[in-house]
Amino acid sequence: MQRLAADPWFAGLPDTMQAALQALGQPRRLPAGGFLFLREDAPDGLYGILEGSMVIGSSSLTGKHSVLTRLGAGHWFGEVALFDHGPRTHDAGSDRGCLLWHVPQAALLGWLQGWPHGWLPLGQLMAAKTRKLMQGLAQQTLLSPEARLAQRLLLLADGDGRIRLSQEALASATGISRQTCNAILRQLADGGFLTIGRGHLQLLDKRALGQLGGDGH
């Protein structure tokens, strides 16, 4: 639980709720290439990432896969279904494997009945993600394709700066054409921002990419 304790959301929880999430949960390991759940699956609780990372996205009936973001160690996810009891909104998998802390849905809802103050921190967790999503949607119309792609690369990179994603999927996630995505990636590679390998990208200068994504030029 040390990695979760470093997360600002978890660190800011009342001691009572921190203790409950630890007592109610249990570790769960997901192998490389495995899926934790798929879109439309029934909710099964709240998850925290202890080691590794999770890729959040969705797949279409035609087999196309769109990646929304990558969540690293310390992040919590799965809270939306606690509020509406609806199915999962996205797929959640791990390309390199990860260790999770799973707090089952029924156990957590039962505990919240006895300690309803816990709904506020969960609402704040969901609100923070909603705010970030809305900011990202607004930037889609304000930033250049280069800046949007730079931001998406940083969101999808794992801890080593590697991205295992096809250029078609990357273009779809960024909202640009595959041809535009390919041209920008070549420019970034020529500029020393990243290298393009077979089936993956390797980020070399995250700070420079952050600057590119921040100013839109």
Foldseek 3Di string as FASTA:
>chain_A
DVLQCPAPLLVPDPPVVNVLLVVQKDKDKAAAPGWPDAFQAFQWFKKAFAAWKKWKWHADPVGDIATQFIGGHNDMDRLPCLVVRGTHHTIIHHNHMTMMIGRTSVSVNVVCVVVVVVVVSSVVSVVVVVVVVVVLVVVLVVADLLLLLLVRQVRQAIPQQKHQDDLCNSCVNSVHHSVVSVVSVVVCVVVVQWDDDVRMIGGDCNPVSNVCNPPRD
